[in-house]
Amino acid sequence: MDVSAQSKSGRLNISEAVIGRIAQLVVRDVEGVYSMAPSPSRMRDIVLRSQRNRSILTRMNAGVAELDIYVKIKQGYRIKTVAEEIQNYVKEAVQNMTSIAVSKVNVYVQDVCVGKE
């Protein structure tokens, strides 16, 4: 579902895919993130091919965003610290770039990896 806003100049529509892309760009720059990870497959998504970015799932409810982010963490980093940084940076970036409130950023650590991606 897109988020819409009306102004004197016209209408602005921001898709969930844009919110997911902003989050993806931010997550890649968080120290300790090895890479994005695929989210667990959902039958509906497989059938409909509805999720373009399977590492970030975005839901909108009454104009407020909630994101599920799936990542792999580099070995040697505190998982809790990296996850909290992801939550803070994603929330700040999405809200600053879109003016859309973010209620939750859920981080799912799928693996711990050694070396460079």
C-alpha atoms as a PDB file:
ATOM      1  CA  MET A   1       0.000   0.000   0.000  1.00  0.00           C
ATOM      2  CA  ASP A   2       1.302   3.433  -0.886  1.00  0.00           C
ATOM      3  CA  VAL A   3       1.284   6.389   1.467  1.00  0.00           C
ATOM      4  CA  SER A   4      -0.319   9.511   0.022  1.00  0.00           C
ATOM      5  CA  ALA A   5      -0.213  13.158   0.991  1.00  0.00           C
ATOM      6  CA  GLN A   6      -2.034  16.066  -0.594  1.00  0.00           C
ATOM      7  CA  SER A   7      -0.694  19.610  -0.757  1.00  0.00           C
ATOM      8  CA  LYS A   8      -1.552  22.764  -2.676  1.00  0.00           C
ATOM      9  CA  SER A   9       0.991  21.749  -5.333  1.00  0.00           C
ATOM     10  CA  GLY A  10      -0.425  18.267  -5.879  1.00  0.00           C
ATOM     11  CA  ARG A  11      -0.397  14.736  -4.569  1.00  0.00           C
ATOM     12  CA  LEU A  12       2.618  12.779  -3.299  1.00  0.00           C
ATOM     13  CA  ASN A  13       2.593   8.958  -3.267  1.00  0.00           C
ATOM     14  CA  ILE A  14       5.393   6.988  -1.601  1.00  0.00           C
ATOM     15  CA  SER A  15       5.360   3.232  -2.142  1.00  0.00           C
ATOM     16  CA  GLU A  16       6.347   0.628   0.425  1.00  0.00           C
ATOM     17  CA  ALA A  17       9.135  -0.360  -1.967  1.00  0.00           C
ATOM     18  CA  VAL A  18      10.721   3.088  -1.559  1.00  0.00           C
ATOM     19  CA  ILE A  19      10.625   2.767   2.225  1.00  0.00           C
ATOM     20  CA  GLY A  20      12.255  -0.654   1.921  1.00  0.00           C
ATOM     21  CA  ARG A  21      14.937   0.699  -0.406  1.00  0.00           C
ATOM     22  CA  ILE A  22      15.795   3.518   2.011  1.00  0.00           C
ATOM     23  CA  ALA A  23      16.141   0.951   4.793  1.00  0.00           C
ATOM     24  CA  GLN A  24      18.310  -1.291   2.619  1.00  0.00           C
ATOM     25  CA  LEU A  25      20.720   1.535   1.792  1.00  0.00           C
ATOM     26  CA  VAL A  26      21.037   2.471   5.464  1.00  0.00           C
ATOM     27  CA  VAL A  27      21.525  -1.104   6.694  1.00  0.00           C
ATOM     28  CA  ARG A  28      24.391  -1.724   4.260  1.00  0.00           C
ATOM     29  CA  ASP A  29      26.345   1.102   5.924  1.00  0.00           C
ATOM     30  CA  VAL A  30      25.906  -0.094   9.531  1.00  0.00           C
ATOM     31  CA  GLU A  31      29.203  -1.371  10.912  1.00  0.00           C
ATOM     32  CA  GLY A  32      28.998  -5.064  11.704  1.00  0.00           C
ATOM     33  CA  VAL A  33      26.449  -5.948   9.013  1.00  0.00           C
ATOM     34  CA  TYR A  34      27.847  -8.654   6.723  1.00  0.00           C
ATOM     35  CA  SER A  35      24.932  -8.600   4.275  1.00  0.00           C
ATOM     36  CA  MET A  36      21.192  -8.622   3.924  1.00  0.00           C
ATOM     37  CA  ALA A  37      19.565 -12.044   4.365  1.00  0.00           C
ATOM     38  CA  PRO A  38      16.503 -13.446   2.652  1.00  0.00           C
ATOM     39  CA  SER A  39      13.368 -13.446   4.772  1.00  0.00           C
ATOM     40  CA  PRO A  40      11.606 -16.737   5.367  1.00  0.00           C
ATOM     41  CA  SER A  41       9.522 -17.505   2.285  1.00  0.00           C
ATOM     42  CA  ARG A  42       5.829 -16.866   2.425  1.00  0.00           C
ATOM     43  CA  MET A  43       3.633 -18.942   0.165  1.00  0.00           C
ATOM     44  CA  ARG A  44       1.588 -15.903  -0.850  1.00  0.00           C
ATOM     45  CA  ASP A  45       4.735 -14.019  -1.848  1.00  0.00           C
ATOM     46  CA  ILE A  46       6.027 -16.976  -3.826  1.00  0.00           C
ATOM     47  CA  VAL A  47       2.735 -17.350  -5.681  1.00  0.00           C
ATOM     48  CA  LEU A  48       2.146 -13.641  -6.247  1.00  0.00           C
ATOM     49  CA  ARG A  49       5.824 -12.628  -6.395  1.00  0.00           C
ATOM     50  CA  SER A  50       4.752  -9.573  -4.433  1.00  0.00           C
ATOM     51  CA  GLN A  51       7.890  -8.797  -2.424  1.00  0.00           C
ATOM     52  CA  ARG A  52      10.681  -7.336  -4.543  1.00  0.00           C
ATOM     53  CA  ASN A  53      13.099  -7.024  -1.667  1.00  0.00           C
ATOM     54  CA  ARG A  54      12.894 -10.235   0.324  1.00  0.00           C
ATOM     55  CA  SER A  55      15.345  -8.925   2.955  1.00  0.00           C
ATOM     56  CA  ILE A  56      13.065  -6.110   4.086  1.00  0.00           C
ATOM     57  CA  LEU A  57       9.330  -6.428   4.566  1.00  0.00           C
ATOM     58  CA  THR A  58       7.367  -3.199   4.973  1.00  0.00           C
ATOM     59  CA  ARG A  59       3.839  -2.855   6.300  1.00  0.00           C
ATOM     60  CA  MET A  60       1.771   0.308   6.481  1.00  0.00           C
ATOM     61  CA  ASN A  61      -1.009   0.775   9.014  1.00  0.00           C
ATOM     62  CA  ALA A  62      -2.859   4.093   9.177  1.00  0.00           C
ATOM     63  CA  GLY A  63       0.071   5.898   7.567  1.00  0.00           C
ATOM     64  CA  VAL A  64       2.655   4.450   9.971  1.00  0.00           C
ATOM     65  CA  ALA A  65       5.409   2.101   8.777  1.00  0.00           C
ATOM     66  CA  GLU A  66       6.627  -1.101  10.381  1.00  0.00           C
ATOM     67  CA  LEU A  67       9.664  -2.887   8.940  1.00  0.00           C
ATOM     68  CA  ASP A  68      11.076  -6.398   9.289  1.00  0.00           C
ATOM     69  CA  ILE A  69      14.758  -6.507   8.349  1.00  0.00           C
ATOM     70  CA  TYR A  70      16.710  -9.742   7.833  1.00  0.00           C
ATOM     71  CA  VAL A  71      20.501  -9.532   8.110  1.00  0.00           C
ATOM     72  CA  LYS A  72      23.718 -11.474   8.534  1.00  0.00           C
ATOM     73  CA  ILE A  73      26.172 -10.080  11.094  1.00  0.00           C
ATOM     74  CA  LYS A  74      29.974 -10.115  10.881  1.00  0.00           C
ATOM     75  CA  GLN A  75      31.752 -12.325  13.383  1.00  0.00           C
ATOM     76  CA  GLY A  76      33.215 -10.401  16.318  1.00  0.00           C
ATOM     77  CA  TYR A  77      30.452  -7.785  16.580  1.00  0.00           C
ATOM     78  CA  ARG A  78      27.892  -7.627  19.380  1.00  0.00           C
ATOM     79  CA  ILE A  79      24.628  -8.676  17.787  1.00  0.00           C
ATOM     80  CA  LYS A  80      22.511  -6.552  20.124  1.00  0.00           C
ATOM     81  CA  THR A  81      24.561  -3.433  19.401  1.00  0.00           C
ATOM     82  CA  VAL A  82      24.422  -3.915  15.627  1.00  0.00           C
ATOM     83  CA  ALA A  83      20.669  -4.614  15.728  1.00  0.00           C
ATOM     84  CA  GLU A  84      20.001  -1.484  17.798  1.00  0.00           C
ATOM     85  CA  GLU A  85      22.042   0.624  15.374  1.00  0.00           C
ATOM     86  CA  ILE A  86      20.035  -0.788  12.472  1.00  0.00           C
ATOM     87  CA  GLN A  87      16.799   0.067  14.280  1.00  0.00           C
ATOM     88  CA  ASN A  88      17.880   3.619  15.097  1.00  0.00           C
ATOM     89  CA  TYR A  89      19.422   4.458  11.713  1.00  0.00           C
ATOM     90  CA  VAL A  90      16.569   2.985   9.671  1.00  0.00           C
ATOM     91  CA  LYS A  91      13.894   4.732  11.715  1.00  0.00           C
ATOM     92  CA  GLU A  92      15.706   8.063  11.480  1.00  0.00           C
ATOM     93  CA  ALA A  93      16.403   7.781   7.739  1.00  0.00           C
ATOM     94  CA  VAL A  94      12.879   6.743   6.756  1.00  0.00           C
ATOM     95  CA  GLN A  95      11.268   9.438   8.897  1.00  0.00           C
ATOM     96  CA  ASN A  96      13.659  12.159   7.696  1.00  0.00           C
ATOM     97  CA  MET A  97      13.412  11.289   3.998  1.00  0.00           C
ATOM     98  CA  THR A  98       9.676  10.586   3.802  1.00  0.00           C
ATOM     99  CA  SER A  99       8.037  12.255   6.836  1.00  0.00           C
ATOM    100  CA  ILE A 100       6.358   8.878   7.457  1.00  0.00           C
ATOM    101  CA  ALA A 101       6.322   7.775  11.091  1.00  0.00           C
ATOM    102  CA  VAL A 102       7.985   4.436  11.840  1.00  0.00           C
ATOM    103  CA  SER A 103       6.504   2.490  14.744  1.00  0.00           C
ATOM    104  CA  LYS A 104       8.788  -0.559  14.687  1.00  0.00           C
ATOM    105  CA  VAL A 105      11.969  -1.796  13.066  1.00  0.00           C
ATOM    106  CA  ASN A 106      12.205  -5.523  13.786  1.00  0.00           C
ATOM    107  CA  VAL A 107      15.661  -6.983  13.122  1.00  0.00           C
ATOM    108  CA  TYR A 108      16.070 -10.704  12.469  1.00  0.00           C
ATOM    109  CA  VAL A 109      19.656 -11.945  12.562  1.00  0.00           C
ATOM    110  CA  GLN A 110      19.790 -14.963  10.255  1.00  0.00           C
ATOM    111  CA  ASP A 111      23.502 -15.799  10.460  1.00  0.00           C
ATOM    112  CA  VAL A 112      26.936 -14.780  11.710  1.00  0.00           C
ATOM    113  CA  CYS A 113      29.561 -14.736   8.955  1.00  0.00           C
ATOM    114  CA  VAL A 114      33.346 -14.657   8.750  1.00  0.00           C
ATOM    115  CA  GLY A 115      35.299 -12.528   6.293  1.00  0.00           C
ATOM    116  CA  LYS A 116      34.133 -10.012   3.734  1.00  0.00           C
ATOM    117  CA  GLU A 117      31.005 -10.298   1.643  1.00  0.00           C
END
